[in-house]
C-alpha cells in the first residue's frame, strides 16, 4: 500500500526548463501589454487634465477680465459658484465657494505636474497651457 511513492519521480531538468520557458513567454506577453495600457491611461489622464486646466483658465478670464498669473493662482483662488439644492428649480439655490482648479498632482513645491511627472507649460500672456512631456508638447 505505501509503495506508490517508490516509483514516483520528481521534476526532471527538462520539466523545469519547459516550465521556466512557459513562464518567460507569459511574462513576455503580459508586460508589454501592461505597459501599453498604462501609457494609454496616462495619455487619457493628460487629455483630461489639460481640458480641466483650460476650462479653469476660461472661467478665471471670464470672471476677472485677465488671465491668471500662474497655474498656482487657479489652485489658490476661490470662486463663488451658484448651485441648485435639488432637481426641482423651485428648491432654491446656494452658492458654493470652490477653487477654480482642484489640483490632481503637485510636486514638493506645490506646482502642478502631469501624469508623466512633468510640469505643465503655461503662458500667462496668452492664457495657454500645454504639456511639457516629450512627445506631447502639441496637445
N, C-alpha and C. Protein backbone atom coordinates (compact mmCIF):
# COMPACT_ATOMS: atom_id res chain seq x y z
N UNK A 1 0.79 -1.20 0.00
CA UNK A 1 0.00 0.00 0.00
C UNK A 1 0.84 1.28 0.00
N UNK A 2 1.85 1.35 0.78
CA UNK A 2 2.65 2.56 0.86
C UNK A 2 3.79 2.58 -0.12
N UNK A 3 3.75 1.79 -1.17
CA UNK A 3 4.87 1.72 -2.09
C UNK A 3 4.69 2.56 -3.35
N UNK A 4 3.62 3.32 -3.48
CA UNK A 4 3.40 4.09 -4.71
C UNK A 4 4.47 5.15 -4.90
N UNK A 5 5.01 5.67 -3.82
CA UNK A 5 5.98 6.74 -3.93
C UNK A 5 7.36 6.24 -4.34
N UNK A 6 7.58 4.97 -4.26
CA UNK A 6 8.90 4.45 -4.64
C UNK A 6 9.14 4.59 -6.13
N UNK A 7 8.09 4.48 -6.94
CA UNK A 7 8.24 4.59 -8.38
C UNK A 7 7.99 6.01 -8.90
N UNK A 8 7.46 6.88 -8.04
CA UNK A 8 7.18 8.26 -8.46
C UNK A 8 8.50 9.02 -8.60
N UNK A 9 8.56 9.84 -9.62
CA UNK A 9 9.77 10.63 -9.85
C UNK A 9 9.44 12.10 -9.73
N UNK A 10 10.35 12.91 -9.30
CA UNK A 10 10.17 14.35 -9.19
C UNK A 10 10.31 15.01 -10.55
N UNK A 11 10.37 16.32 -10.55
CA UNK A 11 10.55 17.06 -11.78
C UNK A 11 11.96 16.80 -12.33
N UNK A 12 11.99 16.55 -13.59
CA UNK A 12 13.30 16.41 -14.22
C UNK A 12 13.78 17.79 -14.64
N UNK A 13 15.00 17.88 -15.07
CA UNK A 13 15.53 19.15 -15.53
C UNK A 13 14.75 19.64 -16.75
N UNK A 14 14.36 18.75 -17.61
CA UNK A 14 13.59 19.13 -18.81
C UNK A 14 12.24 19.71 -18.41
N UNK A 15 11.57 19.10 -17.42
CA UNK A 15 10.30 19.65 -16.94
C UNK A 15 10.49 21.06 -16.39
N UNK A 16 11.53 21.26 -15.63
CA UNK A 16 11.79 22.58 -15.05
C UNK A 16 12.10 23.59 -16.15
N UNK A 17 12.89 23.22 -17.15
CA UNK A 17 13.22 24.13 -18.24
C UNK A 17 11.96 24.49 -19.03
N UNK A 18 11.11 23.53 -19.31
CA UNK A 18 9.86 23.79 -20.04
C UNK A 18 8.97 24.73 -19.23
N UNK A 19 8.87 24.49 -17.93
CA UNK A 19 8.06 25.36 -17.07
C UNK A 19 8.60 26.78 -17.07
N UNK A 20 9.91 26.93 -16.94
CA UNK A 20 10.51 28.26 -16.95
C UNK A 20 10.32 28.95 -18.30
N UNK A 21 10.41 28.20 -19.38
CA UNK A 21 10.18 28.78 -20.71
C UNK A 21 8.74 29.28 -20.85
N UNK A 22 7.78 28.50 -20.37
CA UNK A 22 6.38 28.92 -20.44
C UNK A 22 6.15 30.18 -19.59
N UNK A 23 6.73 30.22 -18.41
CA UNK A 23 6.61 31.41 -17.57
C UNK A 23 7.24 32.61 -18.26
N UNK A 24 8.40 32.42 -18.87
CA UNK A 24 9.06 33.51 -19.60
C UNK A 24 8.23 34.02 -20.75
N UNK A 25 7.60 33.11 -21.48
CA UNK A 25 6.74 33.51 -22.61
C UNK A 25 5.54 34.31 -22.09
N UNK A 26 4.93 33.83 -21.02
CA UNK A 26 3.79 34.56 -20.45
C UNK A 26 4.19 35.96 -19.99
N UNK A 27 5.33 36.07 -19.33
CA UNK A 27 5.81 37.38 -18.88
C UNK A 27 6.11 38.27 -20.09
N UNK A 28 6.69 37.69 -21.13
CA UNK A 28 7.00 38.45 -22.34
C UNK A 28 5.76 38.98 -23.04
N UNK A 29 4.63 38.33 -22.85
CA UNK A 29 3.38 38.78 -23.47
C UNK A 29 2.66 39.77 -22.56
N UNK A 30 2.64 39.51 -21.27
CA UNK A 30 1.86 40.32 -20.33
C UNK A 30 2.49 41.69 -20.08
N UNK A 31 3.79 41.76 -19.88
CA UNK A 31 4.43 43.03 -19.52
C UNK A 31 4.28 44.09 -20.61
N UNK A 32 4.54 43.80 -21.89
CA UNK A 32 4.32 44.84 -22.91
C UNK A 32 2.87 45.30 -22.99
N UNK A 33 1.93 44.38 -22.81
CA UNK A 33 0.52 44.76 -22.83
C UNK A 33 0.20 45.67 -21.65
N UNK A 34 0.73 45.35 -20.48
CA UNK A 34 0.52 46.19 -19.30
C UNK A 34 1.12 47.58 -19.53
N UNK A 35 2.30 47.64 -20.08
CA UNK A 35 2.94 48.93 -20.33
C UNK A 35 2.14 49.77 -21.32
N UNK A 36 1.58 49.13 -22.34
CA UNK A 36 0.76 49.85 -23.32
C UNK A 36 -0.51 50.39 -22.67
N UNK A 37 -1.15 49.57 -21.86
CA UNK A 37 -2.38 50.00 -21.19
C UNK A 37 -2.09 51.13 -20.20
N UNK A 38 -0.98 51.03 -19.48
CA UNK A 38 -0.59 52.08 -18.53
C UNK A 38 -0.32 53.39 -19.28
N UNK A 39 0.34 53.32 -20.41
CA UNK A 39 0.64 54.51 -21.22
C UNK A 39 -0.65 55.15 -21.73
N UNK A 40 -1.60 54.33 -22.19
CA UNK A 40 -2.88 54.85 -22.66
C UNK A 40 -3.64 55.52 -21.52
N UNK A 41 -3.56 54.99 -20.31
CA UNK A 41 -4.22 55.60 -19.16
C UNK A 41 -3.58 56.95 -18.83
N UNK A 42 -2.26 57.03 -18.91
CA UNK A 42 -1.57 58.30 -18.67
C UNK A 42 -1.96 59.34 -19.73
N UNK A 43 -2.07 58.91 -20.98
CA UNK A 43 -2.46 59.83 -22.05
C UNK A 43 -3.88 60.34 -21.84
N UNK A 44 -4.79 59.46 -21.43
CA UNK A 44 -6.17 59.88 -21.18
C UNK A 44 -6.21 60.86 -20.00
N UNK A 45 -5.43 60.58 -18.96
CA UNK A 45 -5.38 61.50 -17.81
C UNK A 45 -4.78 62.85 -18.21
N UNK A 46 -3.79 62.85 -19.10
CA UNK A 46 -3.20 64.10 -19.58
C UNK A 46 -4.22 64.92 -20.36
N UNK A 47 -4.98 64.27 -21.24
CA UNK A 47 -6.01 64.97 -22.01
C UNK A 47 -7.04 65.61 -21.08
N UNK A 48 -7.48 64.85 -20.08
CA UNK A 48 -8.48 65.37 -19.15
C UNK A 48 -7.89 66.49 -18.29
N UNK A 49 -6.65 66.33 -17.86
CA UNK A 49 -6.00 67.37 -17.07
C UNK A 49 -5.88 68.67 -17.83
N UNK A 50 -5.46 68.59 -19.09
CA UNK A 50 -5.35 69.79 -19.92
C UNK A 50 -6.72 70.43 -20.15
N UNK A 51 -7.73 69.61 -20.37
CA UNK A 51 -9.08 70.14 -20.57
C UNK A 51 -9.58 70.85 -19.32
N UNK A 52 -9.33 70.27 -18.14
CA UNK A 52 -9.74 70.90 -16.88
C UNK A 52 -9.01 72.22 -16.65
N UNK A 53 -7.72 72.24 -16.89
CA UNK A 53 -6.94 73.47 -16.69
C UNK A 53 -7.42 74.55 -17.66
N UNK A 54 -7.63 74.19 -18.92
CA UNK A 54 -8.08 75.17 -19.91
C UNK A 54 -9.47 75.72 -19.55
N UNK A 55 -10.34 74.86 -19.05
CA UNK A 55 -11.66 75.30 -18.61
C UNK A 55 -11.55 76.28 -17.44
N UNK A 56 -10.67 75.96 -16.52
CA UNK A 56 -10.46 76.82 -15.35
C UNK A 56 -9.89 78.18 -15.77
N UNK A 57 -9.00 78.18 -16.74
CA UNK A 57 -8.43 79.44 -17.24
C UNK A 57 -9.54 80.29 -17.89
N UNK A 58 -10.41 79.64 -18.69
CA UNK A 58 -11.50 80.38 -19.32
C UNK A 58 -12.45 80.97 -18.28
N UNK A 59 -12.79 80.21 -17.25
CA UNK A 59 -13.66 80.71 -16.19
C UNK A 59 -13.00 81.87 -15.45
N UNK A 60 -11.72 81.73 -15.13
CA UNK A 60 -10.98 82.79 -14.45
C UNK A 60 -10.98 84.06 -15.30
N UNK A 61 -10.70 83.90 -16.59
CA UNK A 61 -10.65 85.05 -17.51
C UNK A 61 -12.03 85.72 -17.61
N UNK A 62 -13.09 84.93 -17.64
CA UNK A 62 -14.44 85.49 -17.75
C UNK A 62 -14.83 86.27 -16.50
N UNK A 63 -14.40 85.83 -15.34
CA UNK A 63 -14.78 86.49 -14.10
C UNK A 63 -13.83 87.59 -13.66
N UNK A 64 -12.59 87.56 -14.11
CA UNK A 64 -11.60 88.53 -13.65
C UNK A 64 -11.06 89.45 -14.76
N UNK A 65 -11.47 89.24 -15.99
CA UNK A 65 -11.05 90.05 -17.14
C UNK A 65 -9.53 90.04 -17.33
N UNK A 66 -8.89 88.97 -16.94
CA UNK A 66 -7.45 88.80 -17.15
C UNK A 66 -7.13 87.31 -17.02
N UNK A 67 -5.97 86.95 -17.52
CA UNK A 67 -5.50 85.57 -17.36
C UNK A 67 -4.85 85.42 -15.99
N UNK A 68 -4.88 84.21 -15.43
CA UNK A 68 -4.16 84.01 -14.17
C UNK A 68 -2.66 84.19 -14.38
N UNK A 69 -1.97 84.68 -13.36
CA UNK A 69 -0.53 84.90 -13.47
C UNK A 69 0.24 83.58 -13.53
N UNK A 70 -0.30 82.56 -12.89
CA UNK A 70 0.32 81.23 -12.91
C UNK A 70 -0.77 80.20 -12.70
N UNK A 71 -0.44 78.95 -12.92
CA UNK A 71 -1.40 77.88 -12.68
C UNK A 71 -1.70 77.75 -11.19
N UNK A 72 -0.75 78.12 -10.36
CA UNK A 72 -0.98 78.05 -8.91
C UNK A 72 -2.07 79.02 -8.47
N UNK A 73 -2.24 80.11 -9.20
CA UNK A 73 -3.31 81.06 -8.87
C UNK A 73 -4.67 80.39 -9.01
N UNK A 74 -4.80 79.49 -9.97
CA UNK A 74 -6.06 78.75 -10.14
C UNK A 74 -6.32 77.82 -8.97
N UNK A 75 -5.26 77.29 -8.38
CA UNK A 75 -5.40 76.36 -7.26
C UNK A 75 -5.69 77.13 -5.96
N UNK A 76 -5.11 78.33 -5.83
CA UNK A 76 -5.21 79.08 -4.59
C UNK A 76 -6.46 79.95 -4.51
N UNK A 77 -6.90 80.53 -5.63
CA UNK A 77 -8.03 81.45 -5.63
C UNK A 77 -9.36 80.71 -5.61
N UNK A 78 -10.35 81.30 -4.96
CA UNK A 78 -11.69 80.72 -4.88
C UNK A 78 -12.66 81.51 -5.74
N UNK A 79 -13.74 80.87 -6.07
CA UNK A 79 -14.81 81.49 -6.86
C UNK A 79 -16.14 81.05 -6.26
N UNK A 80 -17.11 81.96 -6.25
CA UNK A 80 -18.45 81.63 -5.77
C UNK A 80 -19.27 81.14 -6.95
N UNK A 81 -19.72 79.91 -6.88
CA UNK A 81 -20.48 79.31 -7.97
C UNK A 81 -21.89 78.98 -7.50
N UNK A 82 -22.91 79.37 -8.28
CA UNK A 82 -24.28 79.02 -7.88
C UNK A 82 -24.53 77.53 -8.10
N UNK A 83 -25.31 76.97 -7.22
CA UNK A 83 -25.65 75.56 -7.33
C UNK A 83 -27.08 75.35 -6.86
N UNK A 84 -27.82 74.55 -7.58
CA UNK A 84 -29.19 74.24 -7.19
C UNK A 84 -29.17 73.20 -6.08
N UNK A 85 -30.06 73.35 -5.11
CA UNK A 85 -30.09 72.43 -3.97
C UNK A 85 -30.74 71.09 -4.32
N UNK A 86 -31.62 71.08 -5.29
CA UNK A 86 -32.31 69.86 -5.66
C UNK A 86 -32.61 69.87 -7.14
N UNK A 87 -33.23 68.79 -7.63
CA UNK A 87 -33.53 68.72 -9.07
C UNK A 87 -34.64 69.67 -9.50
N UNK A 88 -35.47 70.07 -8.56
CA UNK A 88 -36.58 70.97 -8.87
C UNK A 88 -36.09 72.42 -8.85
N UNK A 89 -36.36 73.20 -9.91
CA UNK A 89 -35.90 74.59 -9.94
C UNK A 89 -36.41 75.43 -8.78
N UNK A 90 -37.56 75.06 -8.21
CA UNK A 90 -38.11 75.85 -7.11
C UNK A 90 -37.50 75.46 -5.76
N UNK A 91 -36.58 74.50 -5.75
CA UNK A 91 -36.00 74.04 -4.49
C UNK A 91 -34.99 75.03 -3.92
N UNK A 92 -34.61 76.01 -4.69
CA UNK A 92 -33.70 77.04 -4.21
C UNK A 92 -32.28 76.81 -4.67
N UNK A 93 -31.48 77.83 -4.49
CA UNK A 93 -30.08 77.76 -4.91
C UNK A 93 -29.19 78.18 -3.75
N UNK A 94 -27.98 77.74 -3.81
CA UNK A 94 -26.96 78.16 -2.85
C UNK A 94 -25.72 78.53 -3.64
N UNK A 95 -24.80 79.17 -2.98
CA UNK A 95 -23.52 79.50 -3.62
C UNK A 95 -22.43 78.68 -2.96
N UNK A 96 -21.62 78.05 -3.78
CA UNK A 96 -20.51 77.25 -3.27
C UNK A 96 -19.21 78.00 -3.46
N UNK A 97 -18.39 78.00 -2.43
CA UNK A 97 -17.07 78.62 -2.50
C UNK A 97 -16.09 77.53 -2.92
N UNK A 98 -15.70 77.54 -4.17
CA UNK A 98 -14.84 76.50 -4.73
C UNK A 98 -13.58 77.11 -5.33
N UNK A 99 -12.57 76.29 -5.48
CA UNK A 99 -11.35 76.71 -6.18
C UNK A 99 -11.61 76.66 -7.68
N UNK A 100 -10.90 77.48 -8.43
CA UNK A 100 -11.01 77.43 -9.88
C UNK A 100 -10.56 76.07 -10.39
N UNK A 101 -9.52 75.52 -9.76
CA UNK A 101 -8.96 74.25 -10.20
C UNK A 101 -8.58 73.42 -8.98
N UNK A 102 -9.04 72.18 -8.96
CA UNK A 102 -8.64 71.26 -7.91
C UNK A 102 -7.43 70.49 -8.44
N UNK A 103 -6.33 70.62 -7.74
CA UNK A 103 -5.08 70.01 -8.20
C UNK A 103 -5.16 68.49 -8.10
N UNK A 104 -4.74 67.82 -9.16
CA UNK A 104 -4.69 66.37 -9.16
C UNK A 104 -3.35 65.86 -8.63
N UNK A 105 -2.28 66.49 -9.04
CA UNK A 105 -0.94 66.08 -8.59
C UNK A 105 -0.05 67.31 -8.49
N UNK A 106 0.62 67.43 -7.35
CA UNK A 106 1.53 68.54 -7.11
C UNK A 106 2.89 67.99 -6.71
N UNK A 107 3.94 68.74 -7.04
CA UNK A 107 5.27 68.35 -6.57
C UNK A 107 5.49 68.94 -5.18
N UNK A 108 6.70 68.81 -4.65
CA UNK A 108 7.00 69.29 -3.30
C UNK A 108 6.88 70.80 -3.18
N UNK A 109 7.06 71.54 -4.29
CA UNK A 109 6.95 72.99 -4.27
C UNK A 109 5.52 73.47 -4.53
N UNK A 110 4.60 72.56 -4.74
CA UNK A 110 3.20 72.92 -4.97
C UNK A 110 2.88 73.22 -6.42
N UNK A 111 3.74 72.83 -7.34
CA UNK A 111 3.49 73.05 -8.77
C UNK A 111 2.74 71.86 -9.35
N UNK A 112 1.84 72.15 -10.29
CA UNK A 112 1.08 71.09 -10.96
C UNK A 112 2.00 70.23 -11.82
N UNK A 113 1.81 68.93 -11.74
CA UNK A 113 2.55 68.00 -12.60
C UNK A 113 1.54 67.14 -13.35
N UNK A 114 1.92 66.76 -14.56
CA UNK A 114 1.05 65.92 -15.38
C UNK A 114 1.22 64.45 -14.99
N UNK A 115 0.44 63.56 -15.57
CA UNK A 115 0.53 62.14 -15.22
C UNK A 115 1.89 61.51 -15.51
N UNK A 116 2.70 62.15 -16.36
CA UNK A 116 4.02 61.63 -16.67
C UNK A 116 5.09 62.19 -15.72
N UNK A 117 4.68 63.09 -14.83
CA UNK A 117 5.61 63.67 -13.86
C UNK A 117 6.28 64.96 -14.31
N UNK A 118 5.87 65.50 -15.46
CA UNK A 118 6.44 66.76 -15.96
C UNK A 118 5.51 67.92 -15.59
N UNK A 119 6.06 69.12 -15.63
CA UNK A 119 5.25 70.31 -15.35
C UNK A 119 4.45 70.69 -16.58
N UNK A 120 3.30 71.31 -16.35
CA UNK A 120 2.54 71.88 -17.45
C UNK A 120 3.22 73.19 -17.85
N UNK A 121 3.26 73.47 -19.14
CA UNK A 121 3.82 74.73 -19.65
C UNK A 121 2.68 75.72 -19.78
N UNK A 122 2.81 76.87 -19.10
CA UNK A 122 1.74 77.88 -19.09
C UNK A 122 2.28 79.22 -19.56
N UNK A 123 1.57 79.85 -20.48
CA UNK A 123 1.91 81.18 -20.97
C UNK A 123 0.86 82.16 -20.44
N UNK A 124 1.19 82.97 -19.43
CA UNK A 124 0.18 83.86 -18.84
C UNK A 124 -0.28 84.98 -19.77
N UNK A 125 0.51 85.33 -20.75
CA UNK A 125 0.09 86.39 -21.69
C UNK A 125 -1.04 85.89 -22.57
N UNK A 126 -0.89 84.70 -23.11
CA UNK A 126 -1.92 84.12 -23.97
C UNK A 126 -2.97 83.33 -23.19
N UNK A 127 -2.64 82.95 -21.97
CA UNK A 127 -3.54 82.10 -21.20
C UNK A 127 -3.59 80.69 -21.76
N UNK A 128 -2.48 80.26 -22.35
CA UNK A 128 -2.42 78.94 -22.99
C UNK A 128 -1.61 77.98 -22.14
N UNK A 129 -2.09 76.76 -22.06
CA UNK A 129 -1.39 75.72 -21.32
C UNK A 129 -1.19 74.53 -22.24
N UNK A 130 -0.05 73.88 -22.10
CA UNK A 130 0.23 72.68 -22.88
C UNK A 130 1.10 71.75 -22.06
N UNK A 131 1.22 70.53 -22.53
CA UNK A 131 2.06 69.55 -21.85
C UNK A 131 3.52 69.82 -22.18
N UNK A 132 4.39 69.57 -21.22
CA UNK A 132 5.82 69.71 -21.49
C UNK A 132 6.51 68.36 -21.60
N UNK A 133 5.75 67.29 -21.46
CA UNK A 133 6.29 65.95 -21.60
C UNK A 133 6.67 65.72 -23.06
N UNK A 134 7.86 65.19 -23.27
CA UNK A 134 8.35 64.96 -24.63
C UNK A 134 7.39 64.06 -25.41
N UNK A 135 7.03 64.53 -26.59
CA UNK A 135 6.10 63.80 -27.43
C UNK A 135 4.65 64.26 -27.30
N UNK A 136 4.37 65.06 -26.28
CA UNK A 136 3.00 65.54 -26.03
C UNK A 136 2.94 67.06 -25.98
N UNK A 137 3.96 67.74 -26.48
CA UNK A 137 4.04 69.19 -26.39
C UNK A 137 2.93 69.90 -27.16
N UNK A 138 2.38 69.27 -28.17
CA UNK A 138 1.36 69.92 -29.01
C UNK A 138 -0.06 69.58 -28.60
N UNK A 139 -0.22 68.98 -27.46
CA UNK A 139 -1.58 68.62 -27.02
C UNK A 139 -2.28 69.81 -26.45
